[in-house]
Amino acid sequence: MERKLFDGWAAKEWFPACFAMVLLLLAVGLVFDSFDPTVQWEWFALWSQIFVGLASLVIAYVTLRHRSPKTVVPRLIRSIPLVVLGGFAMPAYNAVKTLINERPLWADPLLAQIDLALFGWLYFDAPSIFGNIYHIGWFAGVCGTLMAVGMRKASNKRTNLIIAYFFLWCVISPLVQLAIPAGGPIFYERLGYGSLFASRTYPQVVSVLADYLWAHYTAGAQGLSSGISAMPSLHIASSAWVALAWHRTMLFLPAVLFCVGMFLLSIGLGWHYAIDGIVGALLAIFSFWIARFVNRWMEPQTSPSNRI
């Protein structure tokens, strides 16, 4: 029973590499004094509540199907190490994102021109009803998939997905954000780049959140959600990771539609340029490729039949 209960924790598979990435991000925040534990641990509390809610939904679903919760509880326990480490990664990233904002956000005009050159258009306005759906849907999709990956039995695909997730959040995305700092169309005029997007209209919830982010940006303060960074879009990068996670399953097509929907909404709500999402999706694929390389390097004797 004990072996079955803890099968899939398998710390040696992915935990050392992922823990090192989270620790590095935390260290950067602490060294440069951009990590405020009082504020950032609110992220961990929110993260924990989300996963407790998701676990409750899973148990309720199993019960409604007239199956014993005992069939799923061991798998939920299996996901705990991944969920906990993911909860530490989020506030660490948030702190570093605030630190990156100490640099001028110079790339917005460049990104707007790239959009215009590639697509011949700069924006479209999404209906107001999608103002809340964008963030709530993203949280549900990404957090639900992360828990689902954690519930899977140990395999190379599971390990690759987990390493890719943390590499995406803790390494490659912060580096690109540091190299190409941008605010996004919704902040274009406030950043002093002109009225290119001045005629756009945003849902009230989007405007309120934008004002909140801008206030924290100009004050150099931290909050539950603070820091402005458009390139790359981590919303789209992590949505693309969701699609990768469900590859070769019956949920792959819905996952792809989820990713495409998030991409369109990121543009339609003014948070991102189209190129932000495209780069984010490519970074997700690159992260998975890096994860496969790292996994094969750590476990050179792994059976080829189990590789993805």
Protein backbone atom coordinates (compact mmCIF):
# COMPACT_ATOMS: atom_id res chain seq x y z
CA MET A 1 0.00 0.00 0.00
CA GLU A 2 2.82 2.39 0.90
CA ARG A 3 4.56 1.84 -2.43
CA LYS A 4 1.30 2.43 -4.30
CA LEU A 5 0.48 5.52 -2.25
CA PHE A 6 3.76 7.26 -2.89
CA ASP A 7 4.47 5.97 -6.40
CA GLY A 8 5.12 9.01 -8.57
CA TRP A 9 6.63 11.23 -5.87
CA ALA A 10 9.93 9.98 -7.35
CA ALA A 11 11.92 13.00 -6.25
CA LYS A 12 15.01 11.75 -8.06
CA GLU A 13 13.17 12.11 -11.38
CA TRP A 14 12.51 15.83 -11.40
CA PHE A 15 12.69 17.41 -7.95
CA PRO A 16 16.44 18.29 -7.77
CA ALA A 17 16.43 20.21 -11.06
CA CYS A 18 13.11 21.97 -10.37
CA PHE A 19 13.98 22.78 -6.76
CA ALA A 20 17.26 24.32 -7.96
CA MET A 21 15.41 26.53 -10.45
CA VAL A 22 12.93 27.76 -7.83
CA LEU A 23 15.74 28.31 -5.32
CA LEU A 24 17.69 30.34 -7.89
CA LEU A 25 14.69 32.57 -8.54
CA LEU A 26 14.10 33.04 -4.80
CA ALA A 27 17.78 33.88 -4.31
CA VAL A 28 17.64 36.57 -7.00
CA GLY A 29 14.63 38.15 -5.33
CA LEU A 30 16.24 38.05 -1.89
CA VAL A 31 19.65 39.32 -3.01
CA PHE A 32 18.15 42.29 -4.83
CA ASP A 33 15.61 42.90 -2.06
CA SER A 34 12.59 42.47 -4.33
CA PHE A 35 11.05 39.60 -2.36
CA ASP A 36 8.60 40.71 0.33
CA PRO A 37 7.52 37.54 2.19
CA THR A 38 4.45 39.21 3.67
CA VAL A 39 3.11 40.02 0.21
CA GLN A 40 4.39 37.10 -1.79
CA TRP A 41 3.14 34.40 0.57
CA GLU A 42 -0.35 35.59 -0.23
CA TRP A 43 0.32 33.94 -3.60
CA PHE A 44 1.09 30.67 -1.84
CA ALA A 45 -2.12 30.93 0.19
CA LEU A 46 -4.15 31.57 -2.98
CA TRP A 47 -2.33 28.74 -4.76
CA SER A 48 -3.14 26.34 -1.91
CA GLN A 49 -6.82 27.31 -1.91
CA ILE A 50 -7.04 26.72 -5.67
CA PHE A 51 -5.63 23.22 -5.40
CA VAL A 52 -7.72 22.30 -2.37
CA GLY A 53 -10.74 23.37 -4.41
CA LEU A 54 -9.61 21.35 -7.44
CA ALA A 55 -8.98 18.29 -5.29
CA SER A 56 -12.44 18.63 -3.77
CA LEU A 57 -13.97 18.79 -7.25
CA VAL A 58 -12.09 15.65 -8.30
CA ILE A 59 -13.29 13.75 -5.22
CA ALA A 60 -16.86 14.99 -5.74
CA TYR A 61 -16.78 13.91 -9.39
CA VAL A 62 -15.54 10.44 -8.47
CA THR A 63 -18.18 10.12 -5.77
CA LEU A 64 -20.97 11.17 -8.15
CA ARG A 65 -19.86 8.42 -10.50
CA HIS A 66 -20.50 5.97 -7.63
CA ARG A 67 -16.86 5.17 -7.12
CA SER A 68 -14.97 5.22 -3.85
CA PRO A 69 -12.81 8.33 -3.22
CA LYS A 70 -10.11 5.86 -2.17
CA THR A 71 -9.48 5.25 -5.87
CA VAL A 72 -8.32 8.83 -6.43
CA VAL A 73 -6.91 9.95 -3.06
CA PRO A 74 -3.53 8.19 -3.59
CA ARG A 75 -3.17 9.99 -6.91
CA LEU A 76 -3.99 13.34 -5.31
CA ILE A 77 -1.35 12.65 -2.66
CA ARG A 78 1.06 11.85 -5.49
CA SER A 79 0.63 15.41 -6.81
CA ILE A 80 1.51 17.13 -3.50
CA PRO A 81 5.28 17.66 -4.09
CA LEU A 82 4.63 19.24 -7.49
CA VAL A 83 1.81 21.43 -6.19
CA VAL A 84 3.86 22.66 -3.22
CA LEU A 85 6.94 23.47 -5.31
CA GLY A 86 4.73 25.20 -7.88
CA GLY A 87 3.31 27.27 -5.05
CA PHE A 88 6.82 28.49 -4.18
CA ALA A 89 7.65 29.21 -7.83
CA MET A 90 4.76 31.64 -8.28
CA PRO A 91 5.74 34.19 -5.57
CA ALA A 92 9.41 33.83 -6.55
CA TYR A 93 8.57 34.71 -10.15
CA ASN A 94 6.32 37.57 -9.04
CA ALA A 95 9.17 39.10 -7.03
CA VAL A 96 11.64 38.85 -9.91
CA LYS A 97 9.06 40.30 -12.30
CA THR A 98 8.85 43.35 -10.03
CA LEU A 99 12.64 43.57 -10.06
CA ILE A 100 12.73 43.46 -13.88
CA ASN A 101 10.39 46.49 -13.92
CA GLU A 102 13.23 48.61 -12.55
CA ARG A 103 14.50 48.66 -16.13
CA PRO A 104 12.82 50.97 -18.70
CA LEU A 105 10.09 49.26 -20.73
CA TRP A 106 11.57 50.24 -24.08
CA ALA A 107 10.32 47.48 -26.41
CA ASP A 108 6.64 48.41 -26.90
CA PRO A 109 7.05 50.44 -30.12
CA LEU A 110 9.17 47.64 -31.60
CA LEU A 111 6.64 44.94 -30.74
CA ALA A 112 3.74 47.01 -32.09
CA GLN A 113 5.59 47.45 -35.37
CA ILE A 114 6.37 43.73 -35.56
CA ASP A 115 2.66 42.98 -35.16
CA LEU A 116 1.83 45.45 -37.91
CA ALA A 117 4.49 44.03 -40.24
CA LEU A 118 3.49 40.40 -39.64
CA PHE A 119 -0.28 40.66 -39.52
CA GLY A 120 -1.24 44.04 -40.98
CA TRP A 121 -3.32 44.86 -37.90
CA LEU A 122 -2.62 45.94 -34.35
CA TYR A 123 -5.60 44.89 -32.28
CA PHE A 124 -9.24 43.99 -31.92
CA ASP A 125 -11.49 44.47 -28.91
CA ALA A 126 -12.84 41.36 -27.16
CA PRO A 127 -16.41 41.45 -25.76
CA SER A 128 -16.65 42.60 -22.14
CA ILE A 129 -17.85 39.19 -20.93
CA PHE A 130 -14.35 37.82 -21.51
CA GLY A 131 -12.71 40.23 -19.06
CA ASN A 132 -13.00 37.79 -16.15
CA ILE A 133 -12.93 34.61 -18.22
CA TYR A 134 -9.37 35.33 -19.38
CA HIS A 135 -7.80 35.13 -15.93
CA ILE A 136 -10.19 32.67 -14.30
CA GLY A 137 -10.08 30.34 -17.30
CA TRP A 138 -6.30 30.53 -17.42
CA PHE A 139 -5.94 29.71 -13.73
CA ALA A 140 -8.35 26.78 -14.02
CA GLY A 141 -6.66 25.38 -17.12
CA VAL A 142 -3.08 25.68 -15.95
CA CYS A 143 -3.62 24.70 -12.30
CA GLY A 144 -5.92 21.82 -13.25
CA THR A 145 -3.39 20.49 -15.72
CA LEU A 146 -0.51 20.86 -13.26
CA MET A 147 -2.43 18.81 -10.71
CA ALA A 148 -3.34 16.24 -13.37
CA VAL A 149 0.31 15.88 -14.35
CA GLY A 150 1.21 15.46 -10.70
CA MET A 151 -1.39 12.70 -10.36
CA ARG A 152 0.13 10.65 -13.17
CA LYS A 153 2.40 7.72 -12.49
CA ALA A 154 6.13 8.23 -12.87
CA SER A 155 7.18 8.34 -16.53
CA ASN A 156 9.55 10.23 -18.76
CA LYS A 157 6.72 12.31 -20.18
CA ARG A 158 5.61 13.33 -16.70
CA THR A 159 9.19 14.26 -15.77
CA ASN A 160 9.68 16.21 -19.00
CA LEU A 161 6.47 18.18 -18.47
CA ILE A 162 7.36 19.07 -14.88
CA ILE A 163 10.91 20.19 -15.72
CA ALA A 164 9.57 22.16 -18.69
CA TYR A 165 7.01 23.93 -16.47
CA PHE A 166 9.62 25.16 -14.00
CA PHE A 167 12.18 26.00 -16.69
CA LEU A 168 9.51 28.10 -18.38
CA TRP A 169 8.57 30.03 -15.23
CA CYS A 170 11.91 30.23 -13.45
CA VAL A 171 14.53 30.52 -16.18
CA ILE A 172 13.70 31.24 -19.81
CA SER A 173 10.72 33.61 -19.42
CA PRO A 174 12.41 35.93 -16.86
CA LEU A 175 15.52 36.07 -19.09
CA VAL A 176 13.47 37.08 -22.15
CA GLN A 177 11.52 39.60 -20.06
CA LEU A 178 14.81 41.07 -18.90
CA ALA A 179 16.16 41.25 -22.47
CA ILE A 180 12.97 42.66 -24.09
CA PRO A 181 11.08 44.64 -21.42
CA ALA A 182 7.64 45.80 -22.54
CA GLY A 183 4.37 46.81 -20.93
CA GLY A 184 1.77 45.78 -23.50
CA PRO A 185 -0.81 47.69 -25.56
CA ILE A 186 -2.92 48.58 -22.53
CA PHE A 187 0.00 50.59 -21.08
CA TYR A 188 1.32 51.96 -24.39
CA GLU A 189 0.06 55.51 -23.92
CA ARG A 190 0.91 55.63 -20.21
CA LEU A 191 4.47 54.66 -21.05
CA GLY A 192 4.70 57.74 -23.23
CA TYR A 193 4.73 56.07 -26.64
CA GLY A 194 1.77 57.90 -28.13
CA SER A 195 -1.90 57.33 -28.85
CA LEU A 196 -1.63 54.29 -31.11
CA PHE A 197 -4.03 52.31 -28.89
CA ALA A 198 -5.92 55.25 -27.37
CA SER A 199 -9.19 54.41 -29.14
CA ARG A 200 -9.39 50.94 -27.61
CA THR A 201 -12.10 50.07 -25.12
CA TYR A 202 -11.59 47.62 -22.28
CA PRO A 203 -13.97 45.76 -19.95
CA GLN A 204 -14.24 47.39 -16.53
CA VAL A 205 -12.48 44.51 -14.77
CA VAL A 206 -9.54 44.85 -17.16
CA SER A 207 -9.31 48.61 -16.61
CA VAL A 208 -9.40 48.18 -12.83
CA LEU A 209 -6.65 45.56 -12.91
CA ALA A 210 -4.57 47.69 -15.28
CA ASP A 211 -4.87 50.67 -12.90
CA TYR A 212 -3.82 48.43 -10.01
CA LEU A 213 -0.78 47.13 -11.88
CA TRP A 214 0.19 50.62 -13.04
CA ALA A 215 -0.05 52.03 -9.52
CA HIS A 216 2.27 49.31 -8.21
CA TYR A 217 4.61 49.77 -11.18
CA THR A 218 4.99 53.51 -10.73
CA ALA A 219 5.40 53.14 -6.96
CA GLY A 220 7.87 50.25 -7.29
CA ALA A 221 5.67 48.34 -4.88
CA GLN A 222 4.73 44.68 -4.60
CA GLY A 223 1.25 43.26 -4.44
CA LEU A 224 -0.61 40.01 -4.87
CA SER A 225 -0.29 40.67 -8.57
CA SER A 226 2.34 43.21 -9.52
CA GLY A 227 4.90 43.76 -12.21
CA ILE A 228 4.27 44.62 -15.86
CA SER A 229 5.73 42.42 -18.56
CA ALA A 230 4.32 41.70 -22.01
CA MET A 231 7.14 39.82 -23.74
CA PRO A 232 6.85 36.87 -23.62
CA SER A 233 3.28 36.17 -22.62
CA LEU A 234 3.47 33.65 -19.78
CA HIS A 235 -0.28 33.26 -20.03
CA ILE A 236 0.18 31.87 -23.53
CA ALA A 237 3.42 30.05 -22.76
CA SER A 238 1.76 28.13 -19.92
CA SER A 239 -1.37 27.59 -22.04
CA ALA A 240 0.83 26.02 -24.71
CA TRP A 241 2.35 23.87 -21.96
CA VAL A 242 -1.20 22.72 -21.15
CA ALA A 243 -1.61 21.57 -24.76
CA LEU A 244 1.71 19.70 -24.57
CA ALA A 245 0.59 18.04 -21.35
CA TRP A 246 -2.53 16.62 -23.00
CA HIS A 247 -0.82 15.53 -26.21
CA ARG A 248 -1.88 12.04 -27.32
CA THR A 249 -4.93 12.08 -25.05
CA MET A 250 -8.62 12.71 -25.71
CA LEU A 251 -8.23 16.18 -24.17
CA PHE A 252 -5.57 17.35 -26.63
CA LEU A 253 -8.00 19.12 -28.98
CA PRO A 254 -9.78 20.99 -26.13
CA ALA A 255 -6.34 21.93 -24.76
CA VAL A 256 -5.30 23.34 -28.13
CA LEU A 257 -8.56 25.31 -28.35
CA PHE A 258 -7.92 26.58 -24.81
CA CYS A 259 -4.47 27.79 -25.88
CA VAL A 260 -5.81 29.48 -29.02
CA GLY A 261 -8.62 31.12 -27.01
CA MET A 262 -6.15 32.48 -24.45
CA PHE A 263 -3.98 33.79 -27.28
CA LEU A 264 -6.85 35.67 -28.91
CA LEU A 265 -8.08 37.07 -25.59
CA SER A 266 -4.58 38.24 -24.63
CA ILE A 267 -4.69 40.44 -27.74
CA GLY A 268 -8.38 41.37 -27.57
CA LEU A 269 -8.16 42.53 -23.94
CA GLY A 270 -5.03 44.62 -24.54
CA TRP A 271 -2.62 42.71 -22.34
CA HIS A 272 -0.32 41.51 -25.10
CA TYR A 273 0.88 42.01 -28.64
CA ALA A 274 0.36 39.00 -30.89
CA ILE A 275 4.11 38.43 -31.07
CA ASP A 276 4.20 38.06 -27.26
CA GLY A 277 1.95 35.02 -27.43
CA ILE A 278 3.76 33.50 -30.40
CA VAL A 279 7.10 33.78 -28.63
CA GLY A 280 5.54 32.41 -25.44
CA ALA A 281 4.22 29.31 -27.23
CA LEU A 282 7.61 28.74 -28.88
CA LEU A 283 9.29 29.03 -25.48
CA ALA A 284 6.96 26.36 -24.10
CA ILE A 285 8.01 23.99 -26.89
CA PHE A 286 11.67 24.93 -26.36
CA SER A 287 11.32 24.29 -22.61
CA PHE A 288 9.90 20.84 -23.27
CA TRP A 289 12.82 20.11 -25.60
CA ILE A 290 15.29 21.25 -22.92
CA ALA A 291 13.47 19.08 -20.38
CA ARG A 292 13.86 16.00 -22.58
CA PHE A 293 17.57 16.71 -22.88
CA VAL A 294 17.98 17.20 -19.11
CA ASN A 295 15.95 14.08 -18.36
CA ARG A 296 17.99 11.93 -20.71
CA TRP A 297 21.20 13.32 -19.25
CA MET A 298 20.06 12.51 -15.71
CA GLU A 299 18.70 9.06 -16.61
CA PRO A 300 20.79 7.74 -19.53
CA GLN A 301 19.64 4.17 -19.00
CA THR A 302 15.92 4.93 -19.30
CA SER A 303 14.03 2.49 -21.49
CA PRO A 304 13.43 3.96 -24.99
CA SER A 305 9.85 2.68 -24.92
CA ASN A 306 9.04 5.14 -22.11
CA ARG A 307 10.47 8.22 -23.77
CA ILE A 308 8.38 11.12 -25.10
